[in-house]
Each structure stands twice: as C-alpha cells, then as structure tokens.
Amino acid sequence: LISLTAPKKAALHFRGRYHYLGGRF
C-alpha cells in the first residue's frame, strides 16, 4: 500500500507486507 500525502484511516486495516508513505511535497 502506498499512502499519499498522509495515510488514510483505512490503512489501519491493511495487513500486507509493505506500507510506504509517498508524496514528499
């Protein structure tokens, strides 16, 4: 999961191996 700007609440339910924050702006 690539969360953009800031993670959304749904990401708290993510169970995959990789979670990245993107959008360094």
PDBML (XML) file of the C-alpha atoms, coordinates in Angstrom:
<?xml version="1.0" encoding="UTF-8" ?>
<PDBx:datablock datablockName="MODEL"
   xmlns:PDBx="http://pdbml.pdb.org/schema/pdbx-v50.xsd"
   xmlns:xsi="http://www.w3.org/2001/XMLSchema-instance"
   xsi:schemaLocation="http://pdbml.pdb.org/schema/pdbx-v50.xsd pdbx-v50.xsd">
   <PDBx:atom_siteCategory>
      <PDBx:atom_site id="1">
         <PDBx:B_iso_or_equiv>0.00</PDBx:B_iso_or_equiv>
         <PDBx:Cartn_x>0.000</PDBx:Cartn_x>
         <PDBx:Cartn_y>0.000</PDBx:Cartn_y>
         <PDBx:Cartn_z>0.000</PDBx:Cartn_z>
         <PDBx:auth_asym_id>A</PDBx:auth_asym_id>
         <PDBx:auth_atom_id>CA</PDBx:auth_atom_id>
         <PDBx:auth_comp_id>LEU</PDBx:auth_comp_id>
         <PDBx:auth_seq_id>1</PDBx:auth_seq_id>
         <PDBx:group_PDB>ATOM</PDBx:group_PDB>
         <PDBx:label_alt_id xsi:nil="true" />
         <PDBx:label_asym_id>A</PDBx:label_asym_id>
         <PDBx:label_atom_id>CA</PDBx:label_atom_id>
         <PDBx:label_comp_id>LEU</PDBx:label_comp_id>
         <PDBx:label_entity_id>1</PDBx:label_entity_id>
         <PDBx:label_seq_id>1</PDBx:label_seq_id>
         <PDBx:occupancy>1.00</PDBx:occupancy>
         <PDBx:pdbx_PDB_model_num>1</PDBx:pdbx_PDB_model_num>
         <PDBx:type_symbol>C</PDBx:type_symbol>
      </PDBx:atom_site>
      <PDBx:atom_site id="2">
         <PDBx:B_iso_or_equiv>0.00</PDBx:B_iso_or_equiv>
         <PDBx:Cartn_x>1.376</PDBx:Cartn_x>
         <PDBx:Cartn_y>3.399</PDBx:Cartn_y>
         <PDBx:Cartn_z>-0.986</PDBx:Cartn_z>
         <PDBx:auth_asym_id>A</PDBx:auth_asym_id>
         <PDBx:auth_atom_id>CA</PDBx:auth_atom_id>
         <PDBx:auth_comp_id>ILE</PDBx:auth_comp_id>
         <PDBx:auth_seq_id>2</PDBx:auth_seq_id>
         <PDBx:group_PDB>ATOM</PDBx:group_PDB>
         <PDBx:label_alt_id xsi:nil="true" />
         <PDBx:label_asym_id>A</PDBx:label_asym_id>
         <PDBx:label_atom_id>CA</PDBx:label_atom_id>
         <PDBx:label_comp_id>ILE</PDBx:label_comp_id>
         <PDBx:label_entity_id>1</PDBx:label_entity_id>
         <PDBx:label_seq_id>2</PDBx:label_seq_id>
         <PDBx:occupancy>1.00</PDBx:occupancy>
         <PDBx:pdbx_PDB_model_num>1</PDBx:pdbx_PDB_model_num>
         <PDBx:type_symbol>C</PDBx:type_symbol>
      </PDBx:atom_site>
      <PDBx:atom_site id="3">
         <PDBx:B_iso_or_equiv>0.00</PDBx:B_iso_or_equiv>
         <PDBx:Cartn_x>-0.305</PDBx:Cartn_x>
         <PDBx:Cartn_y>6.091</PDBx:Cartn_y>
         <PDBx:Cartn_z>1.117</PDBx:Cartn_z>
         <PDBx:auth_asym_id>A</PDBx:auth_asym_id>
         <PDBx:auth_atom_id>CA</PDBx:auth_atom_id>
         <PDBx:auth_comp_id>SER</PDBx:auth_comp_id>
         <PDBx:auth_seq_id>3</PDBx:auth_seq_id>
         <PDBx:group_PDB>ATOM</PDBx:group_PDB>
         <PDBx:label_alt_id xsi:nil="true" />
         <PDBx:label_asym_id>A</PDBx:label_asym_id>
         <PDBx:label_atom_id>CA</PDBx:label_atom_id>
         <PDBx:label_comp_id>SER</PDBx:label_comp_id>
         <PDBx:label_entity_id>1</PDBx:label_entity_id>
         <PDBx:label_seq_id>3</PDBx:label_seq_id>
         <PDBx:occupancy>1.00</PDBx:occupancy>
         <PDBx:pdbx_PDB_model_num>1</PDBx:pdbx_PDB_model_num>
         <PDBx:type_symbol>C</PDBx:type_symbol>
      </PDBx:atom_site>
      <PDBx:atom_site id="4">
         <PDBx:B_iso_or_equiv>0.00</PDBx:B_iso_or_equiv>
         <PDBx:Cartn_x>-0.082</PDBx:Cartn_x>
         <PDBx:Cartn_y>9.529</PDBx:Cartn_y>
         <PDBx:Cartn_z>-0.482</PDBx:Cartn_z>
         <PDBx:auth_asym_id>A</PDBx:auth_asym_id>
         <PDBx:auth_atom_id>CA</PDBx:auth_atom_id>
         <PDBx:auth_comp_id>LEU</PDBx:auth_comp_id>
         <PDBx:auth_seq_id>4</PDBx:auth_seq_id>
         <PDBx:group_PDB>ATOM</PDBx:group_PDB>
         <PDBx:label_alt_id xsi:nil="true" />
         <PDBx:label_asym_id>A</PDBx:label_asym_id>
         <PDBx:label_atom_id>CA</PDBx:label_atom_id>
         <PDBx:label_comp_id>LEU</PDBx:label_comp_id>
         <PDBx:label_entity_id>1</PDBx:label_entity_id>
         <PDBx:label_seq_id>4</PDBx:label_seq_id>
         <PDBx:occupancy>1.00</PDBx:occupancy>
         <PDBx:pdbx_PDB_model_num>1</PDBx:pdbx_PDB_model_num>
         <PDBx:type_symbol>C</PDBx:type_symbol>
      </PDBx:atom_site>
      <PDBx:atom_site id="5">
         <PDBx:B_iso_or_equiv>0.00</PDBx:B_iso_or_equiv>
         <PDBx:Cartn_x>0.297</PDBx:Cartn_x>
         <PDBx:Cartn_y>12.830</PDBx:Cartn_y>
         <PDBx:Cartn_z>1.426</PDBx:Cartn_z>
         <PDBx:auth_asym_id>A</PDBx:auth_asym_id>
         <PDBx:auth_atom_id>CA</PDBx:auth_atom_id>
         <PDBx:auth_comp_id>THR</PDBx:auth_comp_id>
         <PDBx:auth_seq_id>5</PDBx:auth_seq_id>
         <PDBx:group_PDB>ATOM</PDBx:group_PDB>
         <PDBx:label_alt_id xsi:nil="true" />
         <PDBx:label_asym_id>A</PDBx:label_asym_id>
         <PDBx:label_atom_id>CA</PDBx:label_atom_id>
         <PDBx:label_comp_id>THR</PDBx:label_comp_id>
         <PDBx:label_entity_id>1</PDBx:label_entity_id>
         <PDBx:label_seq_id>5</PDBx:label_seq_id>
         <PDBx:occupancy>1.00</PDBx:occupancy>
         <PDBx:pdbx_PDB_model_num>1</PDBx:pdbx_PDB_model_num>
         <PDBx:type_symbol>C</PDBx:type_symbol>
      </PDBx:atom_site>
      <PDBx:atom_site id="6">
         <PDBx:B_iso_or_equiv>0.00</PDBx:B_iso_or_equiv>
         <PDBx:Cartn_x>-0.745</PDBx:Cartn_x>
         <PDBx:Cartn_y>11.109</PDBx:Cartn_y>
         <PDBx:Cartn_z>4.694</PDBx:Cartn_z>
         <PDBx:auth_asym_id>A</PDBx:auth_asym_id>
         <PDBx:auth_atom_id>CA</PDBx:auth_atom_id>
         <PDBx:auth_comp_id>ALA</PDBx:auth_comp_id>
         <PDBx:auth_seq_id>6</PDBx:auth_seq_id>
         <PDBx:group_PDB>ATOM</PDBx:group_PDB>
         <PDBx:label_alt_id xsi:nil="true" />
         <PDBx:label_asym_id>A</PDBx:label_asym_id>
         <PDBx:label_atom_id>CA</PDBx:label_atom_id>
         <PDBx:label_comp_id>ALA</PDBx:label_comp_id>
         <PDBx:label_entity_id>1</PDBx:label_entity_id>
         <PDBx:label_seq_id>6</PDBx:label_seq_id>
         <PDBx:occupancy>1.00</PDBx:occupancy>
         <PDBx:pdbx_PDB_model_num>1</PDBx:pdbx_PDB_model_num>
         <PDBx:type_symbol>C</PDBx:type_symbol>
      </PDBx:atom_site>
      <PDBx:atom_site id="7">
         <PDBx:B_iso_or_equiv>0.00</PDBx:B_iso_or_equiv>
         <PDBx:Cartn_x>-2.224</PDBx:Cartn_x>
         <PDBx:Cartn_y>7.665</PDBx:Cartn_y>
         <PDBx:Cartn_z>5.371</PDBx:Cartn_z>
         <PDBx:auth_asym_id>A</PDBx:auth_asym_id>
         <PDBx:auth_atom_id>CA</PDBx:auth_atom_id>
         <PDBx:auth_comp_id>PRO</PDBx:auth_comp_id>
         <PDBx:auth_seq_id>7</PDBx:auth_seq_id>
         <PDBx:group_PDB>ATOM</PDBx:group_PDB>
         <PDBx:label_alt_id xsi:nil="true" />
         <PDBx:label_asym_id>A</PDBx:label_asym_id>
         <PDBx:label_atom_id>CA</PDBx:label_atom_id>
         <PDBx:label_comp_id>PRO</PDBx:label_comp_id>
         <PDBx:label_entity_id>1</PDBx:label_entity_id>
         <PDBx:label_seq_id>7</PDBx:label_seq_id>
         <PDBx:occupancy>1.00</PDBx:occupancy>
         <PDBx:pdbx_PDB_model_num>1</PDBx:pdbx_PDB_model_num>
         <PDBx:type_symbol>C</PDBx:type_symbol>
      </PDBx:atom_site>
      <PDBx:atom_site id="8">
         <PDBx:B_iso_or_equiv>0.00</PDBx:B_iso_or_equiv>
         <PDBx:Cartn_x>-5.998</PDBx:Cartn_x>
         <PDBx:Cartn_y>7.320</PDBx:Cartn_y>
         <PDBx:Cartn_z>5.436</PDBx:Cartn_z>
         <PDBx:auth_asym_id>A</PDBx:auth_asym_id>
         <PDBx:auth_atom_id>CA</PDBx:auth_atom_id>
         <PDBx:auth_comp_id>LYS</PDBx:auth_comp_id>
         <PDBx:auth_seq_id>8</PDBx:auth_seq_id>
         <PDBx:group_PDB>ATOM</PDBx:group_PDB>
         <PDBx:label_alt_id xsi:nil="true" />
         <PDBx:label_asym_id>A</PDBx:label_asym_id>
         <PDBx:label_atom_id>CA</PDBx:label_atom_id>
         <PDBx:label_comp_id>LYS</PDBx:label_comp_id>
         <PDBx:label_entity_id>1</PDBx:label_entity_id>
         <PDBx:label_seq_id>8</PDBx:label_seq_id>
         <PDBx:occupancy>1.00</PDBx:occupancy>
         <PDBx:pdbx_PDB_model_num>1</PDBx:pdbx_PDB_model_num>
         <PDBx:type_symbol>C</PDBx:type_symbol>
      </PDBx:atom_site>
      <PDBx:atom_site id="9">
         <PDBx:B_iso_or_equiv>0.00</PDBx:B_iso_or_equiv>
         <PDBx:Cartn_x>-7.894</PDBx:Cartn_x>
         <PDBx:Cartn_y>5.589</PDBx:Cartn_y>
         <PDBx:Cartn_z>8.263</PDBx:Cartn_z>
         <PDBx:auth_asym_id>A</PDBx:auth_asym_id>
         <PDBx:auth_atom_id>CA</PDBx:auth_atom_id>
         <PDBx:auth_comp_id>LYS</PDBx:auth_comp_id>
         <PDBx:auth_seq_id>9</PDBx:auth_seq_id>
         <PDBx:group_PDB>ATOM</PDBx:group_PDB>
         <PDBx:label_alt_id xsi:nil="true" />
         <PDBx:label_asym_id>A</PDBx:label_asym_id>
         <PDBx:label_atom_id>CA</PDBx:label_atom_id>
         <PDBx:label_comp_id>LYS</PDBx:label_comp_id>
         <PDBx:label_entity_id>1</PDBx:label_entity_id>
         <PDBx:label_seq_id>9</PDBx:label_seq_id>
         <PDBx:occupancy>1.00</PDBx:occupancy>
         <PDBx:pdbx_PDB_model_num>1</PDBx:pdbx_PDB_model_num>
         <PDBx:type_symbol>C</PDBx:type_symbol>
      </PDBx:atom_site>
      <PDBx:atom_site id="10">
         <PDBx:B_iso_or_equiv>0.00</PDBx:B_iso_or_equiv>
         <PDBx:Cartn_x>-8.482</PDBx:Cartn_x>
         <PDBx:Cartn_y>2.541</PDBx:Cartn_y>
         <PDBx:Cartn_z>6.072</PDBx:Cartn_z>
         <PDBx:auth_asym_id>A</PDBx:auth_asym_id>
         <PDBx:auth_atom_id>CA</PDBx:auth_atom_id>
         <PDBx:auth_comp_id>ALA</PDBx:auth_comp_id>
         <PDBx:auth_seq_id>10</PDBx:auth_seq_id>
         <PDBx:group_PDB>ATOM</PDBx:group_PDB>
         <PDBx:label_alt_id xsi:nil="true" />
         <PDBx:label_asym_id>A</PDBx:label_asym_id>
         <PDBx:label_atom_id>CA</PDBx:label_atom_id>
         <PDBx:label_comp_id>ALA</PDBx:label_comp_id>
         <PDBx:label_entity_id>1</PDBx:label_entity_id>
         <PDBx:label_seq_id>10</PDBx:label_seq_id>
         <PDBx:occupancy>1.00</PDBx:occupancy>
         <PDBx:pdbx_PDB_model_num>1</PDBx:pdbx_PDB_model_num>
         <PDBx:type_symbol>C</PDBx:type_symbol>
      </PDBx:atom_site>
      <PDBx:atom_site id="11">
         <PDBx:B_iso_or_equiv>0.00</PDBx:B_iso_or_equiv>
         <PDBx:Cartn_x>-4.728</PDBx:Cartn_x>
         <PDBx:Cartn_y>1.905</PDBx:Cartn_y>
         <PDBx:Cartn_z>6.168</PDBx:Cartn_z>
         <PDBx:auth_asym_id>A</PDBx:auth_asym_id>
         <PDBx:auth_atom_id>CA</PDBx:auth_atom_id>
         <PDBx:auth_comp_id>ALA</PDBx:auth_comp_id>
         <PDBx:auth_seq_id>11</PDBx:auth_seq_id>
         <PDBx:group_PDB>ATOM</PDBx:group_PDB>
         <PDBx:label_alt_id xsi:nil="true" />
         <PDBx:label_asym_id>A</PDBx:label_asym_id>
         <PDBx:label_atom_id>CA</PDBx:label_atom_id>
         <PDBx:label_comp_id>ALA</PDBx:label_comp_id>
         <PDBx:label_entity_id>1</PDBx:label_entity_id>
         <PDBx:label_seq_id>11</PDBx:label_seq_id>
         <PDBx:occupancy>1.00</PDBx:occupancy>
         <PDBx:pdbx_PDB_model_num>1</PDBx:pdbx_PDB_model_num>
         <PDBx:type_symbol>C</PDBx:type_symbol>
      </PDBx:atom_site>
      <PDBx:atom_site id="12">
         <PDBx:B_iso_or_equiv>0.00</PDBx:B_iso_or_equiv>
         <PDBx:Cartn_x>-5.083</PDBx:Cartn_x>
         <PDBx:Cartn_y>0.868</PDBx:Cartn_y>
         <PDBx:Cartn_z>9.819</PDBx:Cartn_z>
         <PDBx:auth_asym_id>A</PDBx:auth_asym_id>
         <PDBx:auth_atom_id>CA</PDBx:auth_atom_id>
         <PDBx:auth_comp_id>LEU</PDBx:auth_comp_id>
         <PDBx:auth_seq_id>12</PDBx:auth_seq_id>
         <PDBx:group_PDB>ATOM</PDBx:group_PDB>
         <PDBx:label_alt_id xsi:nil="true" />
         <PDBx:label_asym_id>A</PDBx:label_asym_id>
         <PDBx:label_atom_id>CA</PDBx:label_atom_id>
         <PDBx:label_comp_id>LEU</PDBx:label_comp_id>
         <PDBx:label_entity_id>1</PDBx:label_entity_id>
         <PDBx:label_seq_id>12</PDBx:label_seq_id>
         <PDBx:occupancy>1.00</PDBx:occupancy>
         <PDBx:pdbx_PDB_model_num>1</PDBx:pdbx_PDB_model_num>
         <PDBx:type_symbol>C</PDBx:type_symbol>
      </PDBx:atom_site>
      <PDBx:atom_site id="13">
         <PDBx:B_iso_or_equiv>0.00</PDBx:B_iso_or_equiv>
         <PDBx:Cartn_x>-6.798</PDBx:Cartn_x>
         <PDBx:Cartn_y>-2.259</PDBx:Cartn_y>
         <PDBx:Cartn_z>8.462</PDBx:Cartn_z>
         <PDBx:auth_asym_id>A</PDBx:auth_asym_id>
         <PDBx:auth_atom_id>CA</PDBx:auth_atom_id>
         <PDBx:auth_comp_id>HIS</PDBx:auth_comp_id>
         <PDBx:auth_seq_id>13</PDBx:auth_seq_id>
         <PDBx:group_PDB>ATOM</PDBx:group_PDB>
         <PDBx:label_alt_id xsi:nil="true" />
         <PDBx:label_asym_id>A</PDBx:label_asym_id>
         <PDBx:label_atom_id>CA</PDBx:label_atom_id>
         <PDBx:label_comp_id>HIS</PDBx:label_comp_id>
         <PDBx:label_entity_id>1</PDBx:label_entity_id>
         <PDBx:label_seq_id>13</PDBx:label_seq_id>
         <PDBx:occupancy>1.00</PDBx:occupancy>
         <PDBx:pdbx_PDB_model_num>1</PDBx:pdbx_PDB_model_num>
         <PDBx:type_symbol>C</PDBx:type_symbol>
      </PDBx:atom_site>
      <PDBx:atom_site id="14">
         <PDBx:B_iso_or_equiv>0.00</PDBx:B_iso_or_equiv>
         <PDBx:Cartn_x>-4.031</PDBx:Cartn_x>
         <PDBx:Cartn_y>-3.022</PDBx:Cartn_y>
         <PDBx:Cartn_z>5.946</PDBx:Cartn_z>
         <PDBx:auth_asym_id>A</PDBx:auth_asym_id>
         <PDBx:auth_atom_id>CA</PDBx:auth_atom_id>
         <PDBx:auth_comp_id>PHE</PDBx:auth_comp_id>
         <PDBx:auth_seq_id>14</PDBx:auth_seq_id>
         <PDBx:group_PDB>ATOM</PDBx:group_PDB>
         <PDBx:label_alt_id xsi:nil="true" />
         <PDBx:label_asym_id>A</PDBx:label_asym_id>
         <PDBx:label_atom_id>CA</PDBx:label_atom_id>
         <PDBx:label_comp_id>PHE</PDBx:label_comp_id>
         <PDBx:label_entity_id>1</PDBx:label_entity_id>
         <PDBx:label_seq_id>14</PDBx:label_seq_id>
         <PDBx:occupancy>1.00</PDBx:occupancy>
         <PDBx:pdbx_PDB_model_num>1</PDBx:pdbx_PDB_model_num>
         <PDBx:type_symbol>C</PDBx:type_symbol>
      </PDBx:atom_site>
      <PDBx:atom_site id="15">
         <PDBx:B_iso_or_equiv>0.00</PDBx:B_iso_or_equiv>
         <PDBx:Cartn_x>-2.431</PDBx:Cartn_x>
         <PDBx:Cartn_y>-6.427</PDBx:Cartn_y>
         <PDBx:Cartn_z>6.542</PDBx:Cartn_z>
         <PDBx:auth_asym_id>A</PDBx:auth_asym_id>
         <PDBx:auth_atom_id>CA</PDBx:auth_atom_id>
         <PDBx:auth_comp_id>ARG</PDBx:auth_comp_id>
         <PDBx:auth_seq_id>15</PDBx:auth_seq_id>
         <PDBx:group_PDB>ATOM</PDBx:group_PDB>
         <PDBx:label_alt_id xsi:nil="true" />
         <PDBx:label_asym_id>A</PDBx:label_asym_id>
         <PDBx:label_atom_id>CA</PDBx:label_atom_id>
         <PDBx:label_comp_id>ARG</PDBx:label_comp_id>
         <PDBx:label_entity_id>1</PDBx:label_entity_id>
         <PDBx:label_seq_id>15</PDBx:label_seq_id>
         <PDBx:occupancy>1.00</PDBx:occupancy>
         <PDBx:pdbx_PDB_model_num>1</PDBx:pdbx_PDB_model_num>
         <PDBx:type_symbol>C</PDBx:type_symbol>
      </PDBx:atom_site>
      <PDBx:atom_site id="16">
         <PDBx:B_iso_or_equiv>0.00</PDBx:B_iso_or_equiv>
         <PDBx:Cartn_x>0.017</PDBx:Cartn_x>
         <PDBx:Cartn_y>-6.642</PDBx:Cartn_y>
         <PDBx:Cartn_z>3.651</PDBx:Cartn_z>
         <PDBx:auth_asym_id>A</PDBx:auth_asym_id>
         <PDBx:auth_atom_id>CA</PDBx:auth_atom_id>
         <PDBx:auth_comp_id>GLY</PDBx:auth_comp_id>
         <PDBx:auth_seq_id>16</PDBx:auth_seq_id>
         <PDBx:group_PDB>ATOM</PDBx:group_PDB>
         <PDBx:label_alt_id xsi:nil="true" />
         <PDBx:label_asym_id>A</PDBx:label_asym_id>
         <PDBx:label_atom_id>CA</PDBx:label_atom_id>
         <PDBx:label_comp_id>GLY</PDBx:label_comp_id>
         <PDBx:label_entity_id>1</PDBx:label_entity_id>
         <PDBx:label_seq_id>16</PDBx:label_seq_id>
         <PDBx:occupancy>1.00</PDBx:occupancy>
         <PDBx:pdbx_PDB_model_num>1</PDBx:pdbx_PDB_model_num>
         <PDBx:type_symbol>C</PDBx:type_symbol>
      </PDBx:atom_site>
      <PDBx:atom_site id="17">
         <PDBx:B_iso_or_equiv>0.00</PDBx:B_iso_or_equiv>
         <PDBx:Cartn_x>3.808</PDBx:Cartn_x>
         <PDBx:Cartn_y>-6.763</PDBx:Cartn_y>
         <PDBx:Cartn_z>3.916</PDBx:Cartn_z>
         <PDBx:auth_asym_id>A</PDBx:auth_asym_id>
         <PDBx:auth_atom_id>CA</PDBx:auth_atom_id>
         <PDBx:auth_comp_id>ARG</PDBx:auth_comp_id>
         <PDBx:auth_seq_id>17</PDBx:auth_seq_id>
         <PDBx:group_PDB>ATOM</PDBx:group_PDB>
         <PDBx:label_alt_id xsi:nil="true" />
         <PDBx:label_asym_id>A</PDBx:label_asym_id>
         <PDBx:label_atom_id>CA</PDBx:label_atom_id>
         <PDBx:label_comp_id>ARG</PDBx:label_comp_id>
         <PDBx:label_entity_id>1</PDBx:label_entity_id>
         <PDBx:label_seq_id>17</PDBx:label_seq_id>
         <PDBx:occupancy>1.00</PDBx:occupancy>
         <PDBx:pdbx_PDB_model_num>1</PDBx:pdbx_PDB_model_num>
         <PDBx:type_symbol>C</PDBx:type_symbol>
      </PDBx:atom_site>
      <PDBx:atom_site id="18">
         <PDBx:B_iso_or_equiv>0.00</PDBx:B_iso_or_equiv>
         <PDBx:Cartn_x>4.737</PDBx:Cartn_x>
         <PDBx:Cartn_y>-3.308</PDBx:Cartn_y>
         <PDBx:Cartn_z>2.702</PDBx:Cartn_z>
         <PDBx:auth_asym_id>A</PDBx:auth_asym_id>
         <PDBx:auth_atom_id>CA</PDBx:auth_atom_id>
         <PDBx:auth_comp_id>TYR</PDBx:auth_comp_id>
         <PDBx:auth_seq_id>18</PDBx:auth_seq_id>
         <PDBx:group_PDB>ATOM</PDBx:group_PDB>
         <PDBx:label_alt_id xsi:nil="true" />
         <PDBx:label_asym_id>A</PDBx:label_asym_id>
         <PDBx:label_atom_id>CA</PDBx:label_atom_id>
         <PDBx:label_comp_id>TYR</PDBx:label_comp_id>
         <PDBx:label_entity_id>1</PDBx:label_entity_id>
         <PDBx:label_seq_id>18</PDBx:label_seq_id>
         <PDBx:occupancy>1.00</PDBx:occupancy>
         <PDBx:pdbx_PDB_model_num>1</PDBx:pdbx_PDB_model_num>
         <PDBx:type_symbol>C</PDBx:type_symbol>
      </PDBx:atom_site>
      <PDBx:atom_site id="19">
         <PDBx:B_iso_or_equiv>0.00</PDBx:B_iso_or_equiv>
         <PDBx:Cartn_x>3.283</PDBx:Cartn_x>
         <PDBx:Cartn_y>0.082</PDBx:Cartn_y>
         <PDBx:Cartn_z>3.593</PDBx:Cartn_z>
         <PDBx:auth_asym_id>A</PDBx:auth_asym_id>
         <PDBx:auth_atom_id>CA</PDBx:auth_atom_id>
         <PDBx:auth_comp_id>HIS</PDBx:auth_comp_id>
         <PDBx:auth_seq_id>19</PDBx:auth_seq_id>
         <PDBx:group_PDB>ATOM</PDBx:group_PDB>
         <PDBx:label_alt_id xsi:nil="true" />
         <PDBx:label_asym_id>A</PDBx:label_asym_id>
         <PDBx:label_atom_id>CA</PDBx:label_atom_id>
         <PDBx:label_comp_id>HIS</PDBx:label_comp_id>
         <PDBx:label_entity_id>1</PDBx:label_entity_id>
         <PDBx:label_seq_id>19</PDBx:label_seq_id>
         <PDBx:occupancy>1.00</PDBx:occupancy>
         <PDBx:pdbx_PDB_model_num>1</PDBx:pdbx_PDB_model_num>
         <PDBx:type_symbol>C</PDBx:type_symbol>
      </PDBx:atom_site>
      <PDBx:atom_site id="20">
         <PDBx:B_iso_or_equiv>0.00</PDBx:B_iso_or_equiv>
         <PDBx:Cartn_x>5.002</PDBx:Cartn_x>
         <PDBx:Cartn_y>3.156</PDBx:Cartn_y>
         <PDBx:Cartn_z>2.227</PDBx:Cartn_z>
         <PDBx:auth_asym_id>A</PDBx:auth_asym_id>
         <PDBx:auth_atom_id>CA</PDBx:auth_atom_id>
         <PDBx:auth_comp_id>TYR</PDBx:auth_comp_id>
         <PDBx:auth_seq_id>20</PDBx:auth_seq_id>
         <PDBx:group_PDB>ATOM</PDBx:group_PDB>
         <PDBx:label_alt_id xsi:nil="true" />
         <PDBx:label_asym_id>A</PDBx:label_asym_id>
         <PDBx:label_atom_id>CA</PDBx:label_atom_id>
         <PDBx:label_comp_id>TYR</PDBx:label_comp_id>
         <PDBx:label_entity_id>1</PDBx:label_entity_id>
         <PDBx:label_seq_id>20</PDBx:label_seq_id>
         <PDBx:occupancy>1.00</PDBx:occupancy>
         <PDBx:pdbx_PDB_model_num>1</PDBx:pdbx_PDB_model_num>
         <PDBx:type_symbol>C</PDBx:type_symbol>
      </PDBx:atom_site>
      <PDBx:atom_site id="21">
         <PDBx:B_iso_or_equiv>0.00</PDBx:B_iso_or_equiv>
         <PDBx:Cartn_x>4.222</PDBx:Cartn_x>
         <PDBx:Cartn_y>6.833</PDBx:Cartn_y>
         <PDBx:Cartn_z>2.626</PDBx:Cartn_z>
         <PDBx:auth_asym_id>A</PDBx:auth_asym_id>
         <PDBx:auth_atom_id>CA</PDBx:auth_atom_id>
         <PDBx:auth_comp_id>LEU</PDBx:auth_comp_id>
         <PDBx:auth_seq_id>21</PDBx:auth_seq_id>
         <PDBx:group_PDB>ATOM</PDBx:group_PDB>
         <PDBx:label_alt_id xsi:nil="true" />
         <PDBx:label_asym_id>A</PDBx:label_asym_id>
         <PDBx:label_atom_id>CA</PDBx:label_atom_id>
         <PDBx:label_comp_id>LEU</PDBx:label_comp_id>
         <PDBx:label_entity_id>1</PDBx:label_entity_id>
         <PDBx:label_seq_id>21</PDBx:label_seq_id>
         <PDBx:occupancy>1.00</PDBx:occupancy>
         <PDBx:pdbx_PDB_model_num>1</PDBx:pdbx_PDB_model_num>
         <PDBx:type_symbol>C</PDBx:type_symbol>
      </PDBx:atom_site>
      <PDBx:atom_site id="22">
         <PDBx:B_iso_or_equiv>0.00</PDBx:B_iso_or_equiv>
         <PDBx:Cartn_x>4.753</PDBx:Cartn_x>
         <PDBx:Cartn_y>8.759</PDBx:Cartn_y>
         <PDBx:Cartn_z>-0.591</PDBx:Cartn_z>
         <PDBx:auth_asym_id>A</PDBx:auth_asym_id>
         <PDBx:auth_atom_id>CA</PDBx:auth_atom_id>
         <PDBx:auth_comp_id>GLY</PDBx:auth_comp_id>
         <PDBx:auth_seq_id>22</PDBx:auth_seq_id>
         <PDBx:group_PDB>ATOM</PDBx:group_PDB>
         <PDBx:label_alt_id xsi:nil="true" />
         <PDBx:label_asym_id>A</PDBx:label_asym_id>
         <PDBx:label_atom_id>CA</PDBx:label_atom_id>
         <PDBx:label_comp_id>GLY</PDBx:label_comp_id>
         <PDBx:label_entity_id>1</PDBx:label_entity_id>
         <PDBx:label_seq_id>22</PDBx:label_seq_id>
         <PDBx:occupancy>1.00</PDBx:occupancy>
         <PDBx:pdbx_PDB_model_num>1</PDBx:pdbx_PDB_model_num>
         <PDBx:type_symbol>C</PDBx:type_symbol>
      </PDBx:atom_site>
      <PDBx:atom_site id="23">
         <PDBx:B_iso_or_equiv>0.00</PDBx:B_iso_or_equiv>
         <PDBx:Cartn_x>4.405</PDBx:Cartn_x>
         <PDBx:Cartn_y>12.285</PDBx:Cartn_y>
         <PDBx:Cartn_z>-1.842</PDBx:Cartn_z>
         <PDBx:auth_asym_id>A</PDBx:auth_asym_id>
         <PDBx:auth_atom_id>CA</PDBx:auth_atom_id>
         <PDBx:auth_comp_id>GLY</PDBx:auth_comp_id>
         <PDBx:auth_seq_id>23</PDBx:auth_seq_id>
         <PDBx:group_PDB>ATOM</PDBx:group_PDB>
         <PDBx:label_alt_id xsi:nil="true" />
         <PDBx:label_asym_id>A</PDBx:label_asym_id>
         <PDBx:label_atom_id>CA</PDBx:label_atom_id>
         <PDBx:label_comp_id>GLY</PDBx:label_comp_id>
         <PDBx:label_entity_id>1</PDBx:label_entity_id>
         <PDBx:label_seq_id>23</PDBx:label_seq_id>
         <PDBx:occupancy>1.00</PDBx:occupancy>
         <PDBx:pdbx_PDB_model_num>1</PDBx:pdbx_PDB_model_num>
         <PDBx:type_symbol>C</PDBx:type_symbol>
      </PDBx:atom_site>
      <PDBx:atom_site id="24">
         <PDBx:B_iso_or_equiv>0.00</PDBx:B_iso_or_equiv>
         <PDBx:Cartn_x>7.153</PDBx:Cartn_x>
         <PDBx:Cartn_y>14.314</PDBx:Cartn_y>
         <PDBx:Cartn_z>-0.253</PDBx:Cartn_z>
         <PDBx:auth_asym_id>A</PDBx:auth_asym_id>
         <PDBx:auth_atom_id>CA</PDBx:auth_atom_id>
         <PDBx:auth_comp_id>ARG</PDBx:auth_comp_id>
         <PDBx:auth_seq_id>24</PDBx:auth_seq_id>
         <PDBx:group_PDB>ATOM</PDBx:group_PDB>
         <PDBx:label_alt_id xsi:nil="true" />
         <PDBx:label_asym_id>A</PDBx:label_asym_id>
         <PDBx:label_atom_id>CA</PDBx:label_atom_id>
         <PDBx:label_comp_id>ARG</PDBx:label_comp_id>
         <PDBx:label_entity_id>1</PDBx:label_entity_id>
         <PDBx:label_seq_id>24</PDBx:label_seq_id>
         <PDBx:occupancy>1.00</PDBx:occupancy>
         <PDBx:pdbx_PDB_model_num>1</PDBx:pdbx_PDB_model_num>
         <PDBx:type_symbol>C</PDBx:type_symbol>
      </PDBx:atom_site>
      <PDBx:atom_site id="25">
         <PDBx:B_iso_or_equiv>0.00</PDBx:B_iso_or_equiv>
         <PDBx:Cartn_x>5.502</PDBx:Cartn_x>
         <PDBx:Cartn_y>17.616</PDBx:Cartn_y>
         <PDBx:Cartn_z>-1.052</PDBx:Cartn_z>
         <PDBx:auth_asym_id>A</PDBx:auth_asym_id>
         <PDBx:auth_atom_id>CA</PDBx:auth_atom_id>
         <PDBx:auth_comp_id>PHE</PDBx:auth_comp_id>
         <PDBx:auth_seq_id>25</PDBx:auth_seq_id>
         <PDBx:group_PDB>ATOM</PDBx:group_PDB>
         <PDBx:label_alt_id xsi:nil="true" />
         <PDBx:label_asym_id>A</PDBx:label_asym_id>
         <PDBx:label_atom_id>CA</PDBx:label_atom_id>
         <PDBx:label_comp_id>PHE</PDBx:label_comp_id>
         <PDBx:label_entity_id>1</PDBx:label_entity_id>
         <PDBx:label_seq_id>25</PDBx:label_seq_id>
         <PDBx:occupancy>1.00</PDBx:occupancy>
         <PDBx:pdbx_PDB_model_num>1</PDBx:pdbx_PDB_model_num>
         <PDBx:type_symbol>C</PDBx:type_symbol>
      </PDBx:atom_site>
   </PDBx:atom_siteCategory>
</PDBx:datablock>
